[in-house]
């Protein structure tokens, strides 16, 4: 979860609206990563069934 670590390093001196945008970007990145992980798990199970 590298994104979560980067999320913790958000510059607290940035203007509020800029900080909010960065938080939203990080949240989207985490959601994308979660979807990719789910897809990979599904692909792996499909391949496993195919070769079983």
PDB file of N, CA and C in Angstrom:
ATOM      1  N   UNK A   1       0.839  -1.207   0.000  1.00  0.00           N
ATOM      2  CA  UNK A   1       0.000   0.000   0.000  1.00  0.00           C
ATOM      3  C   UNK A   1       0.874   1.256   0.000  1.00  0.00           C
ATOM      4  N   UNK A   2       1.649   1.431  -1.037  1.00  0.00           N
ATOM      5  CA  UNK A   2       2.524   2.594  -1.109  1.00  0.00           C
ATOM      6  C   UNK A   2       1.706   3.881  -1.140  1.00  0.00           C
ATOM      7  N   UNK A   3       0.533   3.843  -1.774  1.00  0.00           N
ATOM      8  CA  UNK A   3      -0.297   5.041  -1.861  1.00  0.00           C
ATOM      9  C   UNK A   3      -0.680   5.556  -0.475  1.00  0.00           C
ATOM     10  N   UNK A   4      -0.970   4.631   0.421  1.00  0.00           N
ATOM     11  CA  UNK A   4      -1.364   5.033   1.774  1.00  0.00           C
ATOM     12  C   UNK A   4      -0.223   5.760   2.473  1.00  0.00           C
ATOM     13  N   UNK A   5       1.010   5.313   2.214  1.00  0.00           N
ATOM     14  CA  UNK A   5       2.166   5.982   2.816  1.00  0.00           C
ATOM     15  C   UNK A   5       2.319   7.387   2.245  1.00  0.00           C
ATOM     16  N   UNK A   6       2.172   7.513   0.932  1.00  0.00           N
ATOM     17  CA  UNK A   6       2.270   8.827   0.299  1.00  0.00           C
ATOM     18  C   UNK A   6       1.163   9.739   0.823  1.00  0.00           C
ATOM     19  N   UNK A   7       0.001   9.175   1.044  1.00  0.00           N
ATOM     20  CA  UNK A   7      -1.155   9.910   1.557  1.00  0.00           C
ATOM     21  C   UNK A   7      -0.812  10.573   2.888  1.00  0.00           C
ATOM     22  N   UNK A   8      -0.034   9.871   3.700  1.00  0.00           N
ATOM     23  CA  UNK A   8       0.332  10.395   5.012  1.00  0.00           C
ATOM     24  C   UNK A   8       1.336  11.538   4.915  1.00  0.00           C
ATOM     25  N   UNK A   9       1.974  11.672   3.766  1.00  0.00           N
ATOM     26  CA  UNK A   9       3.012  12.686   3.597  1.00  0.00           C
ATOM     27  C   UNK A   9       2.505  13.955   2.908  1.00  0.00           C
ATOM     28  N   UNK A  10       1.195  14.099   2.800  1.00  0.00           N
ATOM     29  CA  UNK A  10       0.631  15.292   2.158  1.00  0.00           C
ATOM     30  C   UNK A  10       1.126  16.544   2.877  1.00  0.00           C
ATOM     31  N   UNK A  11       1.539  17.527   2.107  1.00  0.00           N
ATOM     32  CA  UNK A  11       2.084  18.771   2.652  1.00  0.00           C
ATOM     33  C   UNK A  11       0.997  19.515   3.429  1.00  0.00           C
ATOM     34  N   UNK A  12       1.149  19.606   4.737  1.00  0.00           N
ATOM     35  CA  UNK A  12       0.133  20.249   5.564  1.00  0.00           C
ATOM     36  C   UNK A  12       0.159  21.773   5.429  1.00  0.00           C
ATOM     37  N   UNK A  13       1.177  22.322   4.736  1.00  0.00           N
ATOM     38  CA  UNK A  13       1.246  23.771   4.533  1.00  0.00           C
ATOM     39  C   UNK A  13       0.537  24.209   3.251  1.00  0.00           C
ATOM     40  N   UNK A  14       0.097  23.244   2.443  1.00  0.00           N
ATOM     41  CA  UNK A  14      -0.595  23.574   1.203  1.00  0.00           C
ATOM     42  C   UNK A  14      -1.958  24.185   1.532  1.00  0.00           C
ATOM     43  N   UNK A  15      -2.471  25.030   0.643  1.00  0.00           N
ATOM     44  CA  UNK A  15      -3.825  25.575   0.850  1.00  0.00           C
ATOM     45  C   UNK A  15      -4.849  24.436   0.973  1.00  0.00           C
ATOM     46  N   UNK A  16      -5.914  24.699   1.707  1.00  0.00           N
ATOM     47  CA  UNK A  16      -6.913  23.658   2.004  1.00  0.00           C
ATOM     48  C   UNK A  16      -7.439  22.997   0.728  1.00  0.00           C
ATOM     49  N   UNK A  17      -7.834  23.789  -0.284  1.00  0.00           N
ATOM     50  CA  UNK A  17      -8.434  23.185  -1.479  1.00  0.00           C
ATOM     51  C   UNK A  17      -7.422  22.325  -2.246  1.00  0.00           C
ATOM     52  N   UNK A  18      -6.156  22.728  -2.233  1.00  0.00           N
ATOM     53  CA  UNK A  18      -5.125  21.918  -2.885  1.00  0.00           C
ATOM     54  C   UNK A  18      -4.931  20.597  -2.138  1.00  0.00           C
ATOM     55  N   UNK A  19      -4.935  20.672  -0.805  1.00  0.00           N
ATOM     56  CA  UNK A  19      -4.803  19.468   0.015  1.00  0.00           C
ATOM     57  C   UNK A  19      -5.962  18.514  -0.244  1.00  0.00           C
ATOM     58  N   UNK A  20      -7.180  19.069  -0.326  1.00  0.00           N
ATOM     59  CA  UNK A  20      -8.374  18.252  -0.554  1.00  0.00           C
ATOM     60  C   UNK A  20      -8.263  17.517  -1.884  1.00  0.00           C
ATOM     61  N   UNK A  21      -7.795  18.227  -2.925  1.00  0.00           N
ATOM     62  CA  UNK A  21      -7.640  17.589  -4.231  1.00  0.00           C
ATOM     63  C   UNK A  21      -6.645  16.440  -4.165  1.00  0.00           C
ATOM     64  N   UNK A  22      -5.552  16.650  -3.437  1.00  0.00           N
ATOM     65  CA  UNK A  22      -4.550  15.583  -3.327  1.00  0.00           C
ATOM     66  C   UNK A  22      -5.116  14.375  -2.600  1.00  0.00           C
ATOM     67  N   UNK A  23      -5.921  14.624  -1.577  1.00  0.00           N
ATOM     68  CA  UNK A  23      -6.546  13.509  -0.852  1.00  0.00           C
ATOM     69  C   UNK A  23      -7.471  12.741  -1.792  1.00  0.00           C
ATOM     70  N   UNK A  24      -8.249  13.463  -2.607  1.00  0.00           N
ATOM     71  CA  UNK A  24      -9.147  12.796  -3.560  1.00  0.00           C
ATOM     72  C   UNK A  24      -8.338  11.973  -4.573  1.00  0.00           C
ATOM     73  N   UNK A  25      -7.237  12.531  -5.063  1.00  0.00           N
ATOM     74  CA  UNK A  25      -6.384  11.796  -5.997  1.00  0.00           C
ATOM     75  C   UNK A  25      -5.885  10.510  -5.361  1.00  0.00           C
ATOM     76  N   UNK A  26      -5.416  10.593  -4.128  1.00  0.00           N
ATOM     77  CA  UNK A  26      -4.887   9.411  -3.431  1.00  0.00           C
ATOM     78  C   UNK A  26      -5.988   8.371  -3.254  1.00  0.00           C
ATOM     79  N   UNK A  27      -7.188   8.827  -2.913  1.00  0.00           N
ATOM     80  CA  UNK A  27      -8.303   7.900  -2.715  1.00  0.00           C
ATOM     81  C   UNK A  27      -8.612   7.162  -4.011  1.00  0.00           C
ATOM     82  N   UNK A  28      -8.617   7.898  -5.133  1.00  0.00           N
ATOM     83  CA  UNK A  28      -8.869   7.265  -6.428  1.00  0.00           C
ATOM     84  C   UNK A  28      -7.772   6.262  -6.764  1.00  0.00           C
ATOM     85  N   UNK A  29      -6.526   6.604  -6.484  1.00  0.00           N
ATOM     86  CA  UNK A  29      -5.422   5.676  -6.749  1.00  0.00           C
ATOM     87  C   UNK A  29      -5.595   4.393  -5.953  1.00  0.00           C
ATOM     88  N   UNK A  30      -5.986   4.523  -4.687  1.00  0.00           N
ATOM     89  CA  UNK A  30      -6.185   3.340  -3.848  1.00  0.00           C
ATOM     90  C   UNK A  30      -7.329   2.496  -4.399  1.00  0.00           C
ATOM     91  N   UNK A  31      -8.421   3.144  -4.821  1.00  0.00           N
ATOM     92  CA  UNK A  31      -9.555   2.405  -5.391  1.00  0.00           C
ATOM     93  C   UNK A  31      -9.124   1.678  -6.667  1.00  0.00           C
ATOM     94  N   UNK A  32      -8.355   2.363  -7.525  1.00  0.00           N
ATOM     95  CA  UNK A  32      -7.858   1.732  -8.753  1.00  0.00           C
ATOM     96  C   UNK A  32      -7.024   0.507  -8.427  1.00  0.00           C
ATOM     97  N   UNK A  33      -6.145   0.639  -7.451  1.00  0.00           N
ATOM     98  CA  UNK A  33      -5.269  -0.463  -7.062  1.00  0.00           C
ATOM     99  C   UNK A  33      -6.092  -1.643  -6.560  1.00  0.00           C
ATOM    100  N   UNK A  34      -7.132  -1.354  -5.782  1.00  0.00           N
ATOM    101  CA  UNK A  34      -7.988  -2.412  -5.248  1.00  0.00           C
ATOM    102  C   UNK A  34      -8.685  -3.151  -6.390  1.00  0.00           C
ATOM    103  N   UNK A  35      -9.179  -2.399  -7.377  1.00  0.00           N
ATOM    104  CA  UNK A  35      -9.827  -3.022  -8.534  1.00  0.00           C
ATOM    105  C   UNK A  35      -8.841  -3.894  -9.304  1.00  0.00           C
ATOM    106  N   UNK A  36      -7.632  -3.386  -9.522  1.00  0.00           N
ATOM    107  CA  UNK A  36      -6.615  -4.165 -10.228  1.00  0.00           C
ATOM    108  C   UNK A  36      -6.324  -5.461  -9.490  1.00  0.00           C
ATOM    109  N   UNK A  37      -6.211  -5.384  -8.177  1.00  0.00           N
ATOM    110  CA  UNK A  37      -5.948  -6.579  -7.376  1.00  0.00           C
ATOM    111  C   UNK A  37      -7.083  -7.589  -7.531  1.00  0.00           C
ATOM    112  N   UNK A  38      -8.326  -7.116  -7.501  1.00  0.00           N
ATOM    113  CA  UNK A  38      -9.479  -8.014  -7.656  1.00  0.00           C
ATOM    114  C   UNK A  38      -9.451  -8.683  -9.026  1.00  0.00           C
ATOM    115  N   UNK A  39      -9.130  -7.898 -10.068  1.00  0.00           N
ATOM    116  CA  UNK A  39      -9.071  -8.439 -11.432  1.00  0.00           C
ATOM    117  C   UNK A  39      -7.981  -9.506 -11.526  1.00  0.00           C
ATOM    118  N   UNK A  40      -6.812  -9.220 -10.935  1.00  0.00           N
ATOM    119  CA  UNK A  40      -5.704 -10.183 -10.970  1.00  0.00           C
ATOM    120  C   UNK A  40      -6.085 -11.482 -10.290  1.00  0.00           C
ATOM    121  N   UNK A  41      -6.773 -11.390  -9.158  1.00  0.00           N
ATOM    122  CA  UNK A  41      -7.198 -12.590  -8.427  1.00  0.00           C
ATOM    123  C   UNK A  41      -8.159 -13.393  -9.294  1.00  0.00           C
ATOM    124  N   UNK A  42      -9.094 -12.716  -9.954  1.00  0.00           N
ATOM    125  CA  UNK A  42     -10.053 -13.396 -10.817  1.00  0.00           C
ATOM    126  C   UNK A  42      -9.352 -14.072 -11.986  1.00  0.00           C
ATOM    127  N   UNK A  43      -8.430 -13.345 -12.616  1.00  0.00           N
ATOM    128  CA  UNK A  43      -7.693 -13.920 -13.744  1.00  0.00           C
ATOM    129  C   UNK A  43      -6.933 -15.167 -13.302  1.00  0.00           C
ATOM    130  N   UNK A  44      -6.305 -15.078 -12.150  1.00  0.00           N
ATOM    131  CA  UNK A  44      -5.524 -16.207 -11.645  1.00  0.00           C
ATOM    132  C   UNK A  44      -6.426 -17.419 -11.414  1.00  0.00           C
ATOM    133  N   UNK A  45      -7.617 -17.205 -10.882  1.00  0.00           N
ATOM    134  CA  UNK A  45      -8.515 -18.331 -10.614  1.00  0.00           C
ATOM    135  C   UNK A  45      -9.045 -18.914 -11.928  1.00  0.00           C
ATOM    136  N   UNK A  46      -9.279 -18.061 -12.921  1.00  0.00           N
ATOM    137  CA  UNK A  46      -9.746 -18.545 -14.227  1.00  0.00           C
ATOM    138  C   UNK A  46      -8.662 -19.402 -14.879  1.00  0.00           C
ATOM    139  N   UNK A  47      -7.423 -18.915 -14.835  1.00  0.00           N
ATOM    140  CA  UNK A  47      -6.302 -19.666 -15.409  1.00  0.00           C
ATOM    141  C   UNK A  47      -6.137 -20.996 -14.680  1.00  0.00           C
ATOM    142  N   UNK A  48      -6.260 -20.962 -13.364  1.00  0.00           N
ATOM    143  CA  UNK A  48      -6.118 -22.188 -12.568  1.00  0.00           C
ATOM    144  C   UNK A  48      -7.191 -23.213 -12.957  1.00  0.00           C
ATOM    145  N   UNK A  49      -8.423 -22.760 -13.150  1.00  0.00           N
ATOM    146  CA  UNK A  49      -9.509 -23.662 -13.549  1.00  0.00           C
ATOM    147  C   UNK A  49      -9.245 -24.224 -14.938  1.00  0.00           C
ATOM    148  N   UNK A  50      -8.747 -23.380 -15.824  1.00  0.00           N
ATOM    149  CA  UNK A  50      -8.502 -23.779 -17.202  1.00  0.00           C
ATOM    150  C   UNK A  50      -7.466 -24.902 -17.275  1.00  0.00           C
ATOM    151  N   UNK A  51      -6.444 -24.810 -16.436  1.00  0.00           N
ATOM    152  CA  UNK A  51      -5.361 -25.795 -16.490  1.00  0.00           C
ATOM    153  C   UNK A  51      -5.548 -26.948 -15.509  1.00  0.00           C
ATOM    154  N   UNK A  52      -6.642 -26.904 -14.750  1.00  0.00           N
ATOM    155  CA  UNK A  52      -6.855 -27.963 -13.745  1.00  0.00           C
ATOM    156  C   UNK A  52      -7.223 -29.282 -14.408  1.00  0.00           C
TER     157      UNK A  52
END
